[in-house]
Amino acid sequence: MKVYQNIKNQLTQISLQELEALNKKNDLRIDSNVLKQFHDLLCSDWENIMDETSLSLKHDILRTKLSIHNVSKFNELITTIKRNIIFNK
């Protein structure tokens, strides 16, 4: 439960600059406007876009809220953040 709470805290409190840095580092090429929208959703609409039991994105909801078809880049972004949290603790 401690790891889950730590991951949730990190994801809901991550800065837009941190997301932009990970986007660039991982060469995901997520549009900056869409990345900002995603950041806003992570910070303010967690329950609606994340499956809390698996800490994974709810694809259908994310597609609708961001008006995108492919959420794989966002999955990769979330996975990178979770991996960093788990292996740094």
Protein backbone atom coordinates (compact mmCIF):
# COMPACT_ATOMS: atom_id res chain seq x y z
CA MET A 1 0.00 0.00 0.00
CA LYS A 2 2.90 2.34 0.71
CA VAL A 3 4.29 1.97 -2.82
CA TYR A 4 0.82 2.55 -4.31
CA GLN A 5 0.33 5.72 -2.28
CA ASN A 6 3.80 6.95 -3.20
CA ILE A 7 3.12 6.40 -6.90
CA LYS A 8 -0.26 8.12 -6.68
CA ASN A 9 1.27 11.07 -4.83
CA GLN A 10 4.05 11.43 -7.39
CA LEU A 11 1.68 11.20 -10.34
CA THR A 12 -0.84 13.68 -8.95
CA GLN A 13 1.86 16.15 -7.94
CA ILE A 14 4.19 15.91 -10.92
CA SER A 15 5.00 19.22 -12.54
CA LEU A 16 4.34 20.00 -16.16
CA GLN A 17 8.08 20.63 -16.56
CA GLU A 18 8.84 17.10 -15.33
CA LEU A 19 6.37 15.64 -17.82
CA GLU A 20 7.89 17.74 -20.60
CA ALA A 21 11.37 16.52 -19.66
CA LEU A 22 10.26 12.87 -19.71
CA ASN A 23 8.46 13.44 -23.00
CA LYS A 24 11.68 14.76 -24.51
CA LYS A 25 13.97 12.20 -22.82
CA ASN A 26 11.86 9.29 -24.08
CA ASP A 27 11.35 10.91 -27.50
CA LEU A 28 7.58 10.45 -27.21
CA ARG A 29 6.77 13.59 -29.20
CA ILE A 30 3.54 14.29 -27.35
CA ASP A 31 2.18 17.66 -28.41
CA SER A 32 2.79 20.26 -25.68
CA ASN A 33 -0.88 21.29 -25.56
CA VAL A 34 -2.04 17.69 -25.17
CA LEU A 35 0.66 17.09 -22.56
CA LYS A 36 -0.63 20.08 -20.60
CA GLN A 37 -4.18 18.71 -20.76
CA PHE A 38 -2.87 15.33 -19.58
CA HIS A 39 -1.05 17.00 -16.70
CA ASP A 40 -4.22 18.80 -15.67
CA LEU A 41 -6.14 15.51 -15.73
CA LEU A 42 -3.49 13.72 -13.67
CA CYS A 43 -3.53 16.42 -11.04
CA SER A 44 -7.25 17.10 -10.84
CA ASP A 45 -9.16 14.17 -12.32
CA TRP A 46 -7.13 11.18 -11.09
CA GLU A 47 -10.10 8.94 -10.25
CA ASN A 48 -11.59 9.31 -13.71
CA ILE A 49 -8.49 8.63 -15.80
CA MET A 50 -6.65 6.06 -13.67
CA ASP A 51 -7.61 2.55 -12.69
CA GLU A 52 -6.58 2.63 -9.06
CA THR A 53 -6.22 -1.13 -8.66
CA SER A 54 -3.66 -1.44 -11.45
CA LEU A 55 -2.39 2.15 -11.57
CA SER A 56 -2.96 2.18 -15.29
CA LEU A 57 -4.74 4.59 -17.55
CA LYS A 58 -8.39 4.19 -18.44
CA HIS A 59 -7.92 4.26 -22.20
CA ASP A 60 -11.46 5.05 -23.30
CA ILE A 61 -11.83 7.95 -20.92
CA LEU A 62 -8.41 9.36 -21.75
CA ARG A 63 -9.11 9.12 -25.48
CA THR A 64 -12.34 11.05 -24.99
CA LYS A 65 -10.96 13.72 -22.67
CA LEU A 66 -7.87 14.38 -24.80
CA SER A 67 -9.53 13.78 -28.19
CA ILE A 68 -6.82 11.31 -29.18
CA HIS A 69 -6.92 7.80 -30.61
CA ASN A 70 -3.69 6.28 -29.37
CA VAL A 71 -2.78 6.38 -25.68
CA SER A 72 0.38 4.28 -25.95
CA LYS A 73 2.67 7.30 -25.51
CA PHE A 74 0.85 8.20 -22.30
CA ASN A 75 1.15 4.61 -21.10
CA GLU A 76 4.88 4.79 -21.72
CA LEU A 77 5.09 8.07 -19.83
CA ILE A 78 3.19 6.66 -16.82
CA THR A 79 5.28 3.47 -16.87
CA THR A 80 8.50 5.48 -16.86
CA ILE A 81 7.35 7.49 -13.86
CA LYS A 82 6.24 4.38 -11.96
CA ARG A 83 9.53 2.62 -12.75
CA ASN A 84 11.52 5.61 -11.51
CA ILE A 85 9.55 5.70 -8.26
CA ILE A 86 9.82 1.96 -7.60
CA PHE A 87 13.53 1.66 -8.35
CA ASN A 88 14.53 4.88 -6.61
CA LYS A 89 12.86 3.87 -3.33
